[in-house]
Amino acid sequence: MFKKFINYCKDCYDELAHKTTWPSRKELSHTAMVVLSASLVIAIVVFLMDVVFKNCMQFIYGLFT
């Protein structure tokens, strides 16, 4: 049982250290900027939808009061 765990740890280390390709600093910063930009766009869209929905609901509630 313990030997299986040790082999598993060795295999994990081997894959992480020798078989994994890591992005360059340029690729990493570019990807981070894409994610940041997409997050900002989605946040703005959700904010605008919230404002429109709020105003619609205020209008509808104003009709019935």
PDB file of N, CA and C in Angstrom:
ATOM      1  N   MET A   1       0.825  -1.192   0.000  1.00  0.00           N
ATOM      2  CA  MET A   1       0.000   0.000   0.000  1.00  0.00           C
ATOM      3  C   MET A   1       0.868   1.255   0.000  1.00  0.00           C
ATOM      4  N   PHE A   2       1.866   1.279   0.884  1.00  0.00           N
ATOM      5  CA  PHE A   2       2.753   2.431   0.970  1.00  0.00           C
ATOM      6  C   PHE A   2       3.596   2.555  -0.297  1.00  0.00           C
ATOM      7  N   LYS A   3       3.982   1.410  -0.879  1.00  0.00           N
ATOM      8  CA  LYS A   3       4.800   1.415  -2.100  1.00  0.00           C
ATOM      9  C   LYS A   3       4.009   2.009  -3.273  1.00  0.00           C
ATOM     10  N   LYS A   4       2.705   1.713  -3.334  1.00  0.00           N
ATOM     11  CA  LYS A   4       1.860   2.283  -4.386  1.00  0.00           C
ATOM     12  C   LYS A   4       1.809   3.808  -4.266  1.00  0.00           C
ATOM     13  N   PHE A   5       1.705   4.289  -3.041  1.00  0.00           N
ATOM     14  CA  PHE A   5       1.658   5.725  -2.817  1.00  0.00           C
ATOM     15  C   PHE A   5       2.973   6.389  -3.242  1.00  0.00           C
ATOM     16  N   ILE A   6       4.101   5.769  -2.899  1.00  0.00           N
ATOM     17  CA  ILE A   6       5.412   6.307  -3.281  1.00  0.00           C
ATOM     18  C   ILE A   6       5.541   6.323  -4.799  1.00  0.00           C
ATOM     19  N   ASN A   7       5.130   5.255  -5.466  1.00  0.00           N
ATOM     20  CA  ASN A   7       5.192   5.215  -6.927  1.00  0.00           C
ATOM     21  C   ASN A   7       4.295   6.285  -7.552  1.00  0.00           C
ATOM     22  N   TYR A   8       3.131   6.470  -6.967  1.00  0.00           N
ATOM     23  CA  TYR A   8       2.220   7.501  -7.445  1.00  0.00           C
ATOM     24  C   TYR A   8       2.871   8.876  -7.327  1.00  0.00           C
ATOM     25  N   CYS A   9       3.493   9.165  -6.212  1.00  0.00           N
ATOM     26  CA  CYS A   9       4.160  10.452  -6.011  1.00  0.00           C
ATOM     27  C   CYS A   9       5.301  10.638  -6.996  1.00  0.00           C
ATOM     28  N   LYS A  10       6.083   9.588  -7.230  1.00  0.00           N
ATOM     29  CA  LYS A  10       7.182   9.663  -8.197  1.00  0.00           C
ATOM     30  C   LYS A  10       6.652   9.908  -9.598  1.00  0.00           C
ATOM     31  N   ASP A  11       5.577   9.231  -9.969  1.00  0.00           N
ATOM     32  CA  ASP A  11       4.985   9.419 -11.294  1.00  0.00           C
ATOM     33  C   ASP A  11       4.450  10.846 -11.458  1.00  0.00           C
ATOM     34  N   CYS A  12       3.832  11.357 -10.400  1.00  0.00           N
ATOM     35  CA  CYS A  12       3.326  12.729 -10.450  1.00  0.00           C
ATOM     36  C   CYS A  12       4.469  13.722 -10.632  1.00  0.00           C
ATOM     37  N   TYR A  13       5.533  13.541  -9.886  1.00  0.00           N
ATOM     38  CA  TYR A  13       6.685  14.428 -10.013  1.00  0.00           C
ATOM     39  C   TYR A  13       7.295  14.331 -11.404  1.00  0.00           C
ATOM     40  N   ASP A  14       7.443  13.111 -11.913  1.00  0.00           N
ATOM     41  CA  ASP A  14       8.027  12.912 -13.241  1.00  0.00           C
ATOM     42  C   ASP A  14       7.203  13.619 -14.310  1.00  0.00           C
ATOM     43  N   GLU A  15       5.890  13.478 -14.234  1.00  0.00           N
ATOM     44  CA  GLU A  15       5.036  14.130 -15.218  1.00  0.00           C
ATOM     45  C   GLU A  15       5.103  15.643 -15.096  1.00  0.00           C
ATOM     46  N   LEU A  16       5.095  16.141 -13.874  1.00  0.00           N
ATOM     47  CA  LEU A  16       5.131  17.584 -13.653  1.00  0.00           C
ATOM     48  C   LEU A  16       6.465  18.195 -14.079  1.00  0.00           C
ATOM     49  N   ALA A  17       7.557  17.496 -13.797  1.00  0.00           N
ATOM     50  CA  ALA A  17       8.877  18.050 -14.052  1.00  0.00           C
ATOM     51  C   ALA A  17       9.345  17.833 -15.489  1.00  0.00           C
ATOM     52  N   HIS A  18       8.942  16.733 -16.125  1.00  0.00           N
ATOM     53  CA  HIS A  18       9.539  16.397 -17.412  1.00  0.00           C
ATOM     54  C   HIS A  18       8.556  16.342 -18.581  1.00  0.00           C
ATOM     55  N   LYS A  19       7.290  16.103 -18.334  1.00  0.00           N
ATOM     56  CA  LYS A  19       6.342  15.927 -19.428  1.00  0.00           C
ATOM     57  C   LYS A  19       5.413  17.122 -19.629  1.00  0.00           C
ATOM     58  N   THR A  20       5.382  18.036 -18.682  1.00  0.00           N
ATOM     59  CA  THR A  20       4.497  19.185 -18.763  1.00  0.00           C
ATOM     60  C   THR A  20       5.212  20.322 -19.477  1.00  0.00           C
ATOM     61  N   THR A  21       4.498  20.971 -20.409  1.00  0.00           N
ATOM     62  CA  THR A  21       5.063  22.156 -21.053  1.00  0.00           C
ATOM     63  C   THR A  21       4.468  23.385 -20.376  1.00  0.00           C
ATOM     64  N   TRP A  22       5.333  24.243 -19.918  1.00  0.00           N
ATOM     65  CA  TRP A  22       4.902  25.443 -19.216  1.00  0.00           C
ATOM     66  C   TRP A  22       4.904  26.614 -20.183  1.00  0.00           C
ATOM     67  N   PRO A  23       3.942  27.531 -20.058  1.00  0.00           N
ATOM     68  CA  PRO A  23       3.901  28.690 -20.959  1.00  0.00           C
ATOM     69  C   PRO A  23       5.043  29.656 -20.650  1.00  0.00           C
ATOM     70  N   SER A  24       5.430  30.388 -21.692  1.00  0.00           N
ATOM     71  CA  SER A  24       6.458  31.409 -21.477  1.00  0.00           C
ATOM     72  C   SER A  24       5.825  32.597 -20.745  1.00  0.00           C
ATOM     73  N   ARG A  25       6.661  33.489 -20.293  1.00  0.00           N
ATOM     74  CA  ARG A  25       6.158  34.664 -19.571  1.00  0.00           C
ATOM     75  C   ARG A  25       5.267  35.507 -20.485  1.00  0.00           C
ATOM     76  N   LYS A  26       5.644  35.624 -21.756  1.00  0.00           N
ATOM     77  CA  LYS A  26       4.861  36.398 -22.714  1.00  0.00           C
ATOM     78  C   LYS A  26       3.487  35.759 -22.938  1.00  0.00           C
ATOM     79  N   GLU A  27       3.451  34.432 -23.118  1.00  0.00           N
ATOM     80  CA  GLU A  27       2.186  33.732 -23.304  1.00  0.00           C
ATOM     81  C   GLU A  27       1.298  33.872 -22.067  1.00  0.00           C
ATOM     82  N   LEU A  28       1.914  33.763 -20.905  1.00  0.00           N
ATOM     83  CA  LEU A  28       1.172  33.847 -19.651  1.00  0.00           C
ATOM     84  C   LEU A  28       0.563  35.231 -19.457  1.00  0.00           C
ATOM     85  N   SER A  29       1.337  36.286 -19.726  1.00  0.00           N
ATOM     86  CA  SER A  29       0.800  37.637 -19.553  1.00  0.00           C
ATOM     87  C   SER A  29      -0.263  37.935 -20.610  1.00  0.00           C
ATOM     88  N   HIS A  30      -0.098  37.419 -21.832  1.00  0.00           N
ATOM     89  CA  HIS A  30      -1.112  37.616 -22.866  1.00  0.00           C
ATOM     90  C   HIS A  30      -2.417  36.931 -22.464  1.00  0.00           C
ATOM     91  N   THR A  31      -2.327  35.712 -21.997  1.00  0.00           N
ATOM     92  CA  THR A  31      -3.515  34.971 -21.568  1.00  0.00           C
ATOM     93  C   THR A  31      -4.186  35.664 -20.386  1.00  0.00           C
ATOM     94  N   ALA A  32      -3.395  36.176 -19.468  1.00  0.00           N
ATOM     95  CA  ALA A  32      -3.953  36.884 -18.318  1.00  0.00           C
ATOM     96  C   ALA A  32      -4.704  38.137 -18.765  1.00  0.00           C
ATOM     97  N   MET A  33      -4.176  38.845 -19.746  1.00  0.00           N
ATOM     98  CA  MET A  33      -4.843  40.039 -20.263  1.00  0.00           C
ATOM     99  C   MET A  33      -6.150  39.678 -20.973  1.00  0.00           C
ATOM    100  N   VAL A  34      -6.158  38.564 -21.695  1.00  0.00           N
ATOM    101  CA  VAL A  34      -7.387  38.115 -22.357  1.00  0.00           C
ATOM    102  C   VAL A  34      -8.453  37.791 -21.318  1.00  0.00           C
ATOM    103  N   VAL A  35      -8.067  37.078 -20.276  1.00  0.00           N
ATOM    104  CA  VAL A  35      -9.021  36.724 -19.217  1.00  0.00           C
ATOM    105  C   VAL A  35      -9.515  37.976 -18.500  1.00  0.00           C
ATOM    106  N   LEU A  36      -8.621  38.892 -18.215  1.00  0.00           N
ATOM    107  CA  LEU A  36      -9.002  40.130 -17.542  1.00  0.00           C
ATOM    108  C   LEU A  36      -9.957  40.950 -18.404  1.00  0.00           C
ATOM    109  N   SER A  37      -9.674  41.045 -19.689  1.00  0.00           N
ATOM    110  CA  SER A  37     -10.536  41.795 -20.599  1.00  0.00           C
ATOM    111  C   SER A  37     -11.910  41.145 -20.712  1.00  0.00           C
ATOM    112  N   ALA A  38     -11.947  39.841 -20.866  1.00  0.00           N
ATOM    113  CA  ALA A  38     -13.223  39.132 -20.972  1.00  0.00           C
ATOM    114  C   ALA A  38     -14.023  39.300 -19.688  1.00  0.00           C
ATOM    115  N   SER A  39     -13.371  39.230 -18.544  1.00  0.00           N
ATOM    116  CA  SER A  39     -14.060  39.408 -17.263  1.00  0.00           C
ATOM    117  C   SER A  39     -14.647  40.812 -17.150  1.00  0.00           C
ATOM    118  N   LEU A  40     -13.896  41.793 -17.605  1.00  0.00           N
ATOM    119  CA  LEU A  40     -14.372  43.173 -17.561  1.00  0.00           C
ATOM    120  C   LEU A  40     -15.583  43.363 -18.474  1.00  0.00           C
ATOM    121  N   VAL A  41     -15.527  42.819 -19.676  1.00  0.00           N
ATOM    122  CA  VAL A  41     -16.651  42.926 -20.611  1.00  0.00           C
ATOM    123  C   VAL A  41     -17.893  42.252 -20.030  1.00  0.00           C
ATOM    124  N   ILE A  42     -17.722  41.067 -19.485  1.00  0.00           N
ATOM    125  CA  ILE A  42     -18.863  40.353 -18.892  1.00  0.00           C
ATOM    126  C   ILE A  42     -19.434  41.137 -17.710  1.00  0.00           C
ATOM    127  N   ALA A  43     -18.572  41.721 -16.894  1.00  0.00           N
ATOM    128  CA  ALA A  43     -19.042  42.512 -15.748  1.00  0.00           C
ATOM    129  C   ALA A  43     -19.837  43.725 -16.221  1.00  0.00           C
ATOM    130  N   ILE A  44     -19.381  44.375 -17.278  1.00  0.00           N
ATOM    131  CA  ILE A  44     -20.097  45.543 -17.801  1.00  0.00           C
ATOM    132  C   ILE A  44     -21.453  45.128 -18.369  1.00  0.00           C
ATOM    133  N   VAL A  45     -21.489  44.011 -19.105  1.00  0.00           N
ATOM    134  CA  VAL A  45     -22.758  43.526 -19.658  1.00  0.00           C
ATOM    135  C   VAL A  45     -23.738  43.187 -18.539  1.00  0.00           C
ATOM    136  N   VAL A  46     -23.281  42.507 -17.519  1.00  0.00           N
ATOM    137  CA  VAL A  46     -24.161  42.158 -16.401  1.00  0.00           C
ATOM    138  C   VAL A  46     -24.644  43.423 -15.688  1.00  0.00           C
ATOM    139  N   PHE A  47     -23.767  44.397 -15.512  1.00  0.00           N
ATOM    140  CA  PHE A  47     -24.158  45.658 -14.884  1.00  0.00           C
ATOM    141  C   PHE A  47     -25.244  46.360 -15.695  1.00  0.00           C
ATOM    142  N   LEU A  48     -25.066  46.428 -17.021  1.00  0.00           N
ATOM    143  CA  LEU A  48     -26.054  47.079 -17.871  1.00  0.00           C
ATOM    144  C   LEU A  48     -27.385  46.333 -17.849  1.00  0.00           C
ATOM    145  N   MET A  49     -27.338  45.011 -17.869  1.00  0.00           N
ATOM    146  CA  MET A  49     -28.574  44.228 -17.777  1.00  0.00           C
ATOM    147  C   MET A  49     -29.277  44.501 -16.449  1.00  0.00           C
ATOM    148  N   ASP A  50     -28.510  44.631 -15.374  1.00  0.00           N
ATOM    149  CA  ASP A  50     -29.072  44.906 -14.056  1.00  0.00           C
ATOM    150  C   ASP A  50     -29.751  46.275 -14.032  1.00  0.00           C
ATOM    151  N   VAL A  51     -29.112  47.272 -14.614  1.00  0.00           N
ATOM    152  CA  VAL A  51     -29.683  48.615 -14.644  1.00  0.00           C
ATOM    153  C   VAL A  51     -30.974  48.620 -15.454  1.00  0.00           C
ATOM    154  N   VAL A  52     -30.959  47.981 -16.619  1.00  0.00           N
ATOM    155  CA  VAL A  52     -32.157  47.932 -17.462  1.00  0.00           C
ATOM    156  C   VAL A  52     -33.285  47.202 -16.734  1.00  0.00           C
ATOM    157  N   PHE A  53     -32.978  46.060 -16.134  1.00  0.00           N
ATOM    158  CA  PHE A  53     -34.006  45.301 -15.414  1.00  0.00           C
ATOM    159  C   PHE A  53     -34.565  46.109 -14.242  1.00  0.00           C
ATOM    160  N   LYS A  54     -33.684  46.794 -13.534  1.00  0.00           N
ATOM    161  CA  LYS A  54     -34.131  47.615 -12.398  1.00  0.00           C
ATOM    162  C   LYS A  54     -35.081  48.706 -12.871  1.00  0.00           C
ATOM    163  N   ASN A  55     -34.710  49.383 -13.942  1.00  0.00           N
ATOM    164  CA  ASN A  55     -35.570  50.458 -14.455  1.00  0.00           C
ATOM    165  C   ASN A  55     -36.897  49.910 -14.974  1.00  0.00           C
ATOM    166  N   CYS A  56     -36.877  48.773 -15.637  1.00  0.00           N
ATOM    167  CA  CYS A  56     -38.125  48.144 -16.102  1.00  0.00           C
ATOM    168  C   CYS A  56     -39.021  47.794 -14.922  1.00  0.00           C
ATOM    169  N   MET A  57     -38.451  47.227 -13.897  1.00  0.00           N
ATOM    170  CA  MET A  57     -39.249  46.833 -12.732  1.00  0.00           C
ATOM    171  C   MET A  57     -39.791  48.063 -12.006  1.00  0.00           C
ATOM    172  N   GLN A  58     -39.005  49.132 -11.923  1.00  0.00           N
ATOM    173  CA  GLN A  58     -39.499  50.357 -11.293  1.00  0.00           C
ATOM    174  C   GLN A  58     -40.658  50.927 -12.099  1.00  0.00           C
ATOM    175  N   PHE A  59     -40.565  50.858 -13.424  1.00  0.00           N
ATOM    176  CA  PHE A  59     -41.653  51.334 -14.275  1.00  0.00           C
ATOM    177  C   PHE A  59     -42.912  50.494 -14.057  1.00  0.00           C
ATOM    178  N   ILE A  60     -42.737  49.180 -14.046  1.00  0.00           N
ATOM    179  CA  ILE A  60     -43.894  48.278 -13.862  1.00  0.00           C
ATOM    180  C   ILE A  60     -44.515  48.487 -12.483  1.00  0.00           C
ATOM    181  N   TYR A  61     -43.692  48.579 -11.438  1.00  0.00           N
ATOM    182  CA  TYR A  61     -44.233  48.798 -10.092  1.00  0.00           C
ATOM    183  C   TYR A  61     -44.894  50.170  -9.993  1.00  0.00           C
ATOM    184  N   GLY A  62     -44.382  51.152 -10.751  1.00  0.00           N
ATOM    185  CA  GLY A  62     -44.972  52.496 -10.744  1.00  0.00           C
ATOM    186  C   GLY A  62     -46.352  52.504 -11.348  1.00  0.00           C
ATOM    187  N   LEU A  63     -46.651  51.613 -12.266  1.00  0.00           N
ATOM    188  CA  LEU A  63     -47.974  51.533 -12.870  1.00  0.00           C
ATOM    189  C   LEU A  63     -49.024  51.054 -11.890  1.00  0.00           C
ATOM    190  N   PHE A  64     -48.635  50.228 -10.944  1.00  0.00           N
ATOM    191  CA  PHE A  64     -49.585  49.602 -10.025  1.00  0.00           C
ATOM    192  C   PHE A  64     -49.661  50.276  -8.662  1.00  0.00           C
ATOM    193  N   THR A  65     -48.923  51.359  -8.463  1.00  0.00           N
ATOM    194  CA  THR A  65     -49.010  52.046  -7.163  1.00  0.00           C
ATOM    195  C   THR A  65     -49.679  53.377  -7.271  1.00  0.00           C
TER     196      THR A  65
END
